[in-house]
N, C-alpha and C. Protein backbone atom coordinates (compact mmCIF):
# COMPACT_ATOMS: atom_id res chain seq x y z
N MET A 1 0.80 -1.14 -0.02
CA MET A 1 -0.01 -0.07 0.02
C MET A 1 0.85 1.22 0.11
N ILE A 2 0.58 2.25 -0.78
CA ILE A 2 1.33 3.41 -0.99
C ILE A 2 0.57 4.55 -0.25
N GLU A 3 1.06 5.26 0.47
CA GLU A 3 0.44 6.45 1.24
C GLU A 3 1.23 7.73 1.20
N GLN A 4 0.61 8.80 0.92
CA GLN A 4 1.34 10.09 1.08
C GLN A 4 1.41 10.43 2.62
N ILE A 5 2.63 10.85 3.02
CA ILE A 5 2.67 11.07 4.37
C ILE A 5 2.97 12.60 4.55
N THR A 6 2.30 13.18 5.44
CA THR A 6 2.44 14.64 5.76
C THR A 6 3.04 15.05 7.02
N ASP A 7 3.05 14.22 8.08
CA ASP A 7 3.61 14.46 9.38
C ASP A 7 5.09 14.43 9.27
N LYS A 8 5.79 15.47 9.67
CA LYS A 8 7.17 15.66 9.37
C LYS A 8 8.01 14.69 10.26
N ASP A 9 7.70 14.41 11.44
CA ASP A 9 8.49 13.47 12.28
C ASP A 9 8.33 11.97 11.65
N ARG A 10 7.22 11.76 11.21
CA ARG A 10 7.06 10.44 10.53
C ARG A 10 7.67 10.20 9.27
N LYS A 11 7.92 11.33 8.48
CA LYS A 11 8.62 11.29 7.35
C LYS A 11 10.12 10.96 7.64
N GLU A 12 10.58 11.82 8.66
CA GLU A 12 11.99 11.64 9.08
C GLU A 12 12.25 10.25 9.67
N GLN A 13 11.37 9.74 10.49
CA GLN A 13 11.62 8.36 10.90
C GLN A 13 11.64 7.34 9.85
N ILE A 14 10.73 7.34 8.87
CA ILE A 14 10.78 6.37 7.70
C ILE A 14 12.00 6.60 6.86
N ALA A 15 12.35 7.79 6.61
CA ALA A 15 13.68 8.09 5.75
C ALA A 15 14.89 7.61 6.46
N ARG A 16 14.99 7.79 7.67
CA ARG A 16 16.06 7.36 8.50
C ARG A 16 16.22 5.77 8.56
N ARG A 17 15.08 5.18 8.79
CA ARG A 17 15.30 3.70 8.98
C ARG A 17 15.53 3.09 7.62
N ILE A 18 15.02 3.61 6.44
CA ILE A 18 15.18 3.03 5.26
C ILE A 18 16.55 3.41 4.67
N LEU A 19 16.98 4.54 4.71
CA LEU A 19 18.32 4.97 4.06
C LEU A 19 19.37 4.37 4.90
N LEU A 20 19.38 4.18 6.30
CA LEU A 20 20.48 3.54 6.94
C LEU A 20 20.53 2.11 6.64
N ALA A 21 19.52 1.43 6.07
CA ALA A 21 19.55 0.11 5.73
C ALA A 21 19.96 -0.14 4.30
N LEU A 22 20.42 1.02 3.65
CA LEU A 22 20.85 0.91 2.22
C LEU A 22 22.32 1.50 2.04
N PRO A 23 23.35 1.01 2.89
CA PRO A 23 24.63 1.54 2.78
C PRO A 23 25.30 1.56 1.45
N ASP A 24 24.96 0.55 0.60
CA ASP A 24 25.58 0.48 -0.72
C ASP A 24 25.17 1.72 -1.59
N TRP A 25 24.09 2.31 -1.26
CA TRP A 25 23.59 3.46 -2.05
C TRP A 25 23.85 4.71 -1.34
N PHE A 26 23.62 4.62 0.12
CA PHE A 26 23.71 5.86 0.99
C PHE A 26 24.78 5.65 2.00
N GLY A 27 25.93 5.64 1.56
CA GLY A 27 27.09 5.29 2.48
C GLY A 27 27.82 6.45 2.96
N LEU A 28 27.53 7.78 2.55
CA LEU A 28 28.08 8.96 3.02
C LEU A 28 27.23 9.56 4.14
N PRO A 29 27.73 9.47 5.33
CA PRO A 29 26.97 10.01 6.45
C PRO A 29 26.36 11.46 6.29
N GLU A 30 27.19 12.36 5.75
CA GLU A 30 26.72 13.78 5.61
C GLU A 30 25.57 13.84 4.57
N SER A 31 25.74 13.13 3.50
CA SER A 31 24.65 13.10 2.56
C SER A 31 23.41 12.45 2.96
N THR A 32 23.57 11.26 3.69
CA THR A 32 22.39 10.53 4.24
C THR A 32 21.69 11.47 5.18
N LYS A 33 22.44 12.12 6.03
CA LYS A 33 21.78 13.05 7.08
C LYS A 33 20.96 14.16 6.31
N ALA A 34 21.56 14.70 5.30
CA ALA A 34 20.85 15.77 4.51
C ALA A 34 19.63 15.26 3.88
N TYR A 35 19.65 14.08 3.28
CA TYR A 35 18.38 13.50 2.70
C TYR A 35 17.29 13.29 3.78
N ILE A 36 17.77 12.77 4.87
CA ILE A 36 16.73 12.45 5.99
C ILE A 36 16.18 13.72 6.44
N GLU A 37 17.04 14.79 6.68
CA GLU A 37 16.54 16.00 7.20
C GLU A 37 15.59 16.83 6.13
N SER A 38 15.92 16.80 4.92
CA SER A 38 15.14 17.40 3.84
C SER A 38 13.75 16.64 3.58
N SER A 39 13.77 15.45 3.91
CA SER A 39 12.63 14.65 3.74
C SER A 39 11.35 15.23 4.52
N ARG A 40 11.65 15.93 5.67
CA ARG A 40 10.73 16.40 6.50
C ARG A 40 9.80 17.50 5.66
N GLU A 41 10.38 18.25 4.83
CA GLU A 41 9.81 19.38 4.08
C GLU A 41 9.26 19.11 2.79
N LEU A 42 9.56 17.97 2.20
CA LEU A 42 9.18 17.64 0.85
C LEU A 42 7.96 16.67 0.65
N PRO A 43 7.26 16.71 -0.44
CA PRO A 43 6.28 15.75 -0.62
C PRO A 43 6.79 14.34 -0.61
N PHE A 44 6.08 13.51 0.18
CA PHE A 44 6.67 12.27 0.65
C PHE A 44 5.62 11.16 0.51
N TRP A 45 6.07 9.96 -0.06
CA TRP A 45 5.24 8.81 -0.33
C TRP A 45 5.94 7.70 0.36
N ALA A 46 5.25 6.81 1.18
CA ALA A 46 5.80 5.51 1.67
C ALA A 46 4.97 4.40 1.20
N ALA A 47 5.78 3.35 1.07
CA ALA A 47 5.11 1.96 0.70
C ALA A 47 5.24 1.18 1.96
N PHE A 48 3.97 0.55 2.32
CA PHE A 48 3.85 -0.33 3.48
C PHE A 48 3.46 -1.72 3.21
N GLU A 49 4.12 -2.56 3.98
CA GLU A 49 3.74 -4.03 3.92
C GLU A 49 3.50 -4.43 5.38
N ASP A 50 2.48 -4.99 5.81
CA ASP A 50 2.24 -5.40 7.12
C ASP A 50 2.36 -4.33 8.12
N GLY A 51 1.97 -3.19 7.77
CA GLY A 51 2.05 -2.03 8.64
C GLY A 51 3.33 -1.38 8.79
N LYS A 52 4.41 -1.87 8.11
CA LYS A 52 5.84 -1.29 8.19
C LYS A 52 6.19 -0.66 6.88
N ALA A 53 6.86 0.48 7.03
CA ALA A 53 7.39 1.20 5.78
C ALA A 53 8.43 0.35 5.29
N VAL A 54 8.42 0.09 3.94
CA VAL A 54 9.53 -0.77 3.24
C VAL A 54 10.15 0.16 2.10
N GLY A 55 9.57 1.27 1.86
CA GLY A 55 10.16 2.08 0.79
C GLY A 55 9.67 3.55 0.90
N PHE A 56 10.20 4.47 0.33
CA PHE A 56 9.72 5.91 0.30
C PHE A 56 10.37 6.71 -0.83
N LEU A 57 9.76 7.75 -1.13
CA LEU A 57 10.21 8.54 -2.25
C LEU A 57 9.77 10.10 -1.92
N THR A 58 10.70 11.02 -2.08
CA THR A 58 10.37 12.36 -1.91
C THR A 58 10.53 13.08 -3.28
N LEU A 59 9.81 14.21 -3.43
CA LEU A 59 9.86 15.10 -4.59
C LEU A 59 10.42 16.35 -4.31
N LYS A 60 11.09 17.08 -5.19
CA LYS A 60 11.54 18.36 -4.91
C LYS A 60 11.32 19.14 -6.36
N GLU A 61 10.84 20.38 -6.14
CA GLU A 61 10.65 21.22 -7.36
C GLU A 61 11.98 21.80 -7.73
N THR A 62 12.24 21.66 -8.94
CA THR A 62 13.63 22.20 -9.50
C THR A 62 13.43 23.31 -10.45
N GLY A 63 12.22 23.49 -10.83
CA GLY A 63 11.86 24.63 -11.84
C GLY A 63 10.37 24.77 -11.82
N PRO A 64 9.95 25.80 -12.41
CA PRO A 64 8.35 26.06 -12.40
C PRO A 64 7.47 24.89 -12.96
N LYS A 65 8.08 24.14 -13.87
CA LYS A 65 7.39 23.00 -14.42
C LYS A 65 8.12 21.64 -14.30
N THR A 66 9.08 21.62 -13.38
CA THR A 66 9.97 20.35 -13.24
C THR A 66 10.06 20.08 -11.80
N VAL A 67 9.92 18.75 -11.64
CA VAL A 67 10.10 18.12 -10.29
C VAL A 67 11.20 17.06 -10.39
N GLU A 68 11.79 16.83 -9.39
CA GLU A 68 12.92 15.85 -9.13
C GLU A 68 12.61 14.87 -8.16
N ILE A 69 12.91 13.48 -8.46
CA ILE A 69 12.87 12.45 -7.44
C ILE A 69 14.20 12.85 -6.66
N HIS A 70 13.89 13.41 -5.47
CA HIS A 70 15.00 13.87 -4.59
C HIS A 70 15.70 12.77 -3.91
N VAL A 71 15.00 11.89 -3.34
CA VAL A 71 15.57 10.68 -2.79
C VAL A 71 14.49 9.49 -2.82
N MET A 72 15.09 8.43 -3.01
CA MET A 72 14.05 7.08 -3.14
C MET A 72 14.92 6.07 -2.48
N GLY A 73 14.19 5.22 -1.76
CA GLY A 73 14.80 4.08 -1.17
C GLY A 73 13.86 2.98 -0.84
N VAL A 74 14.12 1.72 -1.15
CA VAL A 74 13.42 0.52 -0.92
C VAL A 74 14.27 -0.42 -0.11
N LEU A 75 13.73 -0.92 0.91
CA LEU A 75 14.58 -2.04 1.65
C LEU A 75 15.01 -3.09 0.68
N PRO A 76 16.33 -3.61 0.95
CA PRO A 76 16.87 -4.54 -0.10
C PRO A 76 16.11 -5.81 -0.31
N ASP A 77 15.54 -6.33 0.84
CA ASP A 77 14.74 -7.56 0.69
C ASP A 77 13.39 -7.44 0.08
N HIS A 78 13.13 -6.15 -0.37
CA HIS A 78 11.84 -5.80 -1.03
C HIS A 78 12.10 -5.26 -2.52
N HIS A 79 13.35 -5.43 -2.88
CA HIS A 79 13.60 -4.96 -4.27
C HIS A 79 12.97 -5.88 -5.25
N ARG A 80 12.73 -5.43 -6.54
CA ARG A 80 12.09 -6.15 -7.56
C ARG A 80 10.73 -6.83 -7.30
N ARG A 81 9.98 -5.97 -6.59
CA ARG A 81 8.61 -6.52 -6.17
C ARG A 81 7.62 -5.41 -6.51
N GLY A 82 8.04 -4.43 -7.28
CA GLY A 82 7.04 -3.41 -7.65
C GLY A 82 6.87 -2.20 -6.79
N ILE A 83 7.61 -2.18 -5.72
CA ILE A 83 7.39 -1.19 -4.70
C ILE A 83 7.90 0.20 -5.31
N GLY A 84 9.15 0.19 -5.92
CA GLY A 84 9.59 1.45 -6.43
C GLY A 84 8.61 1.98 -7.58
N ALA A 85 8.13 1.05 -8.31
CA ALA A 85 7.28 1.45 -9.40
C ALA A 85 5.95 2.08 -8.78
N GLY A 86 5.52 1.45 -7.83
CA GLY A 86 4.23 2.09 -7.17
C GLY A 86 4.50 3.44 -6.52
N LEU A 87 5.60 3.44 -5.93
CA LEU A 87 5.97 4.86 -5.34
C LEU A 87 6.12 5.95 -6.46
N TRP A 88 6.84 5.56 -7.59
CA TRP A 88 6.96 6.52 -8.63
C TRP A 88 5.54 6.82 -9.30
N ASP A 89 4.68 5.84 -9.45
CA ASP A 89 3.22 6.11 -9.89
C ASP A 89 2.54 7.07 -9.06
N ALA A 90 2.60 6.79 -7.74
CA ALA A 90 1.84 7.84 -6.85
C ALA A 90 2.48 9.20 -6.99
N ALA A 91 3.75 9.34 -6.94
CA ALA A 91 4.45 10.64 -7.02
C ALA A 91 4.18 11.38 -8.47
N LYS A 92 4.20 10.46 -9.50
CA LYS A 92 3.97 11.03 -10.80
C LYS A 92 2.52 11.63 -10.85
N THR A 93 1.60 10.93 -10.31
CA THR A 93 0.24 11.39 -10.33
C THR A 93 0.14 12.73 -9.65
N TYR A 94 0.69 12.78 -8.61
CA TYR A 94 0.76 14.01 -7.78
C TYR A 94 1.40 15.15 -8.57
N ALA A 95 2.49 14.84 -9.21
CA ALA A 95 3.27 15.82 -9.95
C ALA A 95 2.39 16.42 -11.13
N LYS A 96 1.70 15.56 -11.77
CA LYS A 96 0.81 15.98 -12.89
C LYS A 96 -0.27 16.79 -12.34
N THR A 97 -0.94 16.54 -11.23
CA THR A 97 -2.06 17.27 -10.68
C THR A 97 -1.47 18.62 -10.14
N GLN A 98 -0.26 18.81 -9.95
CA GLN A 98 0.39 20.03 -9.46
C GLN A 98 0.83 20.85 -10.67
N GLY A 99 0.71 20.42 -11.95
CA GLY A 99 0.97 21.11 -13.11
C GLY A 99 2.49 20.85 -13.57
N TYR A 100 3.14 19.95 -13.06
CA TYR A 100 4.58 19.66 -13.48
C TYR A 100 4.53 19.07 -14.89
N ARG A 101 5.43 19.48 -15.76
CA ARG A 101 5.43 18.80 -17.17
C ARG A 101 6.56 17.88 -17.18
N TYR A 102 7.66 18.01 -16.42
CA TYR A 102 8.82 17.20 -16.60
C TYR A 102 9.18 16.64 -15.24
N ALA A 103 9.94 15.44 -15.15
CA ALA A 103 10.47 14.79 -13.94
C ALA A 103 11.90 14.59 -14.33
N GLN A 104 12.71 14.65 -13.32
CA GLN A 104 14.11 14.32 -13.49
C GLN A 104 14.61 13.60 -12.24
N VAL A 105 15.68 12.86 -12.43
CA VAL A 105 16.40 12.25 -11.28
C VAL A 105 17.92 12.13 -11.67
N LYS A 106 18.57 12.15 -10.62
CA LYS A 106 20.13 12.15 -10.85
C LYS A 106 20.57 10.82 -10.14
N THR A 107 21.44 10.09 -10.76
CA THR A 107 22.04 8.98 -10.21
C THR A 107 23.53 8.79 -10.63
N VAL A 108 24.27 7.83 -10.13
CA VAL A 108 25.54 7.64 -10.60
C VAL A 108 25.51 6.87 -12.04
N ALA A 109 26.17 7.27 -12.92
CA ALA A 109 26.11 6.85 -14.40
C ALA A 109 26.38 5.22 -14.38
N PHE A 110 25.69 4.65 -15.39
CA PHE A 110 25.80 3.22 -15.66
C PHE A 110 27.27 2.87 -15.90
N GLY A 111 27.65 1.62 -15.39
CA GLY A 111 28.96 1.23 -15.56
C GLY A 111 30.06 1.47 -14.60
N HIS A 112 29.60 2.06 -13.36
CA HIS A 112 30.53 2.23 -12.36
C HIS A 112 30.41 1.45 -11.09
N TYR A 113 29.18 1.10 -10.81
CA TYR A 113 28.91 0.25 -9.61
C TYR A 113 27.69 -0.74 -9.86
N PRO A 114 27.74 -1.85 -9.55
CA PRO A 114 26.56 -2.73 -9.81
C PRO A 114 25.33 -2.25 -9.30
N GLU A 115 25.43 -1.66 -7.98
CA GLU A 115 24.24 -1.18 -7.33
C GLU A 115 23.56 -0.13 -8.18
N TYR A 116 24.49 0.81 -8.70
CA TYR A 116 23.77 1.91 -9.56
C TYR A 116 23.45 1.37 -10.91
N ASP A 117 24.06 0.36 -11.35
CA ASP A 117 23.61 -0.22 -12.64
C ASP A 117 22.15 -0.60 -12.55
N ARG A 118 21.72 -1.29 -11.35
CA ARG A 118 20.46 -1.61 -11.12
C ARG A 118 19.54 -0.40 -11.04
N THR A 119 19.97 0.61 -10.39
CA THR A 119 19.27 1.94 -10.25
C THR A 119 18.95 2.41 -11.59
N ASN A 120 19.99 2.52 -12.57
CA ASN A 120 19.80 3.04 -13.83
C ASN A 120 18.73 2.16 -14.60
N ALA A 121 18.85 0.88 -14.51
CA ALA A 121 17.91 -0.05 -15.22
C ALA A 121 16.42 0.26 -14.65
N PHE A 122 16.35 0.45 -13.39
CA PHE A 122 14.94 0.82 -12.81
C PHE A 122 14.41 2.03 -13.50
N TYR A 123 15.23 3.09 -13.48
CA TYR A 123 14.75 4.42 -13.92
C TYR A 123 14.36 4.26 -15.53
N ARG A 124 15.22 3.54 -16.19
CA ARG A 124 14.86 3.36 -17.50
C ARG A 124 13.54 2.57 -17.75
N ALA A 125 13.40 1.57 -16.95
CA ALA A 125 12.09 0.80 -17.00
C ALA A 125 10.92 1.67 -16.67
N MET A 126 11.09 2.66 -15.89
CA MET A 126 9.97 3.57 -15.42
C MET A 126 9.76 4.54 -16.51
N GLY A 127 10.46 4.62 -17.60
CA GLY A 127 10.21 5.53 -18.67
C GLY A 127 11.11 6.72 -18.70
N PHE A 128 12.13 6.81 -17.71
CA PHE A 128 12.97 7.96 -17.74
C PHE A 128 14.00 7.70 -18.97
N GLU A 129 14.39 8.84 -19.60
CA GLU A 129 15.46 8.74 -20.57
C GLU A 129 16.69 9.54 -20.21
N GLU A 130 17.91 9.01 -20.79
CA GLU A 130 19.07 9.90 -20.42
C GLU A 130 18.99 11.19 -21.12
N LEU A 131 19.45 12.28 -20.24
CA LEU A 131 19.51 13.63 -20.69
C LEU A 131 20.88 14.01 -20.86
N GLU A 132 21.68 13.83 -19.87
CA GLU A 132 23.04 14.36 -19.78
C GLU A 132 23.77 13.66 -18.66
N CYS A 133 25.14 13.47 -18.87
CA CYS A 133 25.94 13.01 -17.86
C CYS A 133 26.98 14.19 -17.55
N PHE A 134 27.12 14.38 -16.15
CA PHE A 134 28.12 15.36 -15.82
C PHE A 134 29.19 14.60 -15.04
N PRO A 135 30.35 14.40 -15.66
CA PRO A 135 31.41 13.55 -15.19
C PRO A 135 32.01 13.77 -13.84
N THR A 136 31.98 15.17 -13.62
CA THR A 136 32.67 15.46 -12.28
C THR A 136 31.79 16.30 -11.38
N LEU A 137 30.49 16.34 -11.53
CA LEU A 137 29.46 17.11 -10.74
C LEU A 137 29.61 16.75 -9.29
N TRP A 138 29.67 15.48 -9.00
CA TRP A 138 29.79 14.86 -7.63
C TRP A 138 31.38 14.78 -7.44
N ASP A 139 31.89 13.90 -8.27
CA ASP A 139 33.33 13.65 -8.21
C ASP A 139 33.58 12.74 -9.34
N ALA A 140 34.87 12.57 -9.71
CA ALA A 140 35.28 11.71 -10.91
C ALA A 140 34.81 10.21 -10.78
N ARG A 141 34.75 9.66 -9.50
CA ARG A 141 34.46 8.40 -9.38
C ARG A 141 32.98 8.13 -9.41
N ASN A 142 32.19 9.16 -9.32
CA ASN A 142 30.79 9.17 -9.32
C ASN A 142 30.13 10.15 -10.35
N PRO A 143 30.25 9.79 -11.65
CA PRO A 143 29.65 10.73 -12.59
C PRO A 143 28.22 10.91 -12.41
N CYS A 144 27.58 12.02 -12.58
CA CYS A 144 26.23 12.22 -12.33
C CYS A 144 25.43 12.07 -13.65
N GLN A 145 24.52 11.08 -13.76
CA GLN A 145 23.67 10.96 -14.85
C GLN A 145 22.26 11.51 -14.53
N ILE A 146 21.87 12.22 -15.44
CA ILE A 146 20.41 12.89 -15.34
C ILE A 146 19.57 12.30 -16.26
N TYR A 147 18.52 11.70 -15.71
CA TYR A 147 17.39 11.16 -16.51
C TYR A 147 16.13 12.05 -16.45
N VAL A 148 15.41 12.19 -17.59
CA VAL A 148 14.22 12.94 -17.54
C VAL A 148 13.02 12.18 -17.98
N GLN A 149 11.80 12.56 -17.62
CA GLN A 149 10.56 12.07 -18.19
C GLN A 149 9.57 13.15 -18.43
N TYR A 150 8.92 13.21 -19.55
CA TYR A 150 7.91 14.10 -19.88
C TYR A 150 6.48 13.56 -19.26
N LEU A 151 5.94 14.45 -18.42
CA LEU A 151 4.79 14.11 -17.80
C LEU A 151 3.45 14.46 -18.48
N GLY A 152 3.60 15.31 -19.46
CA GLY A 152 2.41 15.73 -20.22
C GLY A 152 2.15 17.18 -19.83
N GLY A 153 0.95 17.57 -20.47
CA GLY A 153 0.56 18.97 -20.24
C GLY A 153 1.00 19.93 -21.16
N GLY A 154 0.56 21.15 -21.14
CA GLY A 154 0.84 22.11 -22.17
C GLY A 154 1.62 23.38 -21.73
């Protein structure tokens, strides 16, 4: 079950529990802390199984008509079960109702780490297309791949 969460403390609690369980993707303490703290203020969806949050997604406006998947995480033992797709579907529906025409997401470019290769494959399967890669935006070991998706609208 996917639910939009509005309570700031609950958002932070869910984000903390899930991101700390994903060290292969969120292994930098400063960055992880920033994601957890920012989740309090952003539109937030969580996926629940048996009453426990197993994944979440936050959106961030990056332009008047563009929204970004700011952070997304699904517990490892729940990967490849449609949870990420469900989270994106809920967030995408919201983005469209808010008048956004485009969505973007940043991740480490394909070919550098197996974990991020799976992340890239996920975003491609969700209909995102490669826009541009910034080889040194984060650092040379982590080239930033930007994916975009047209949401519709005029």
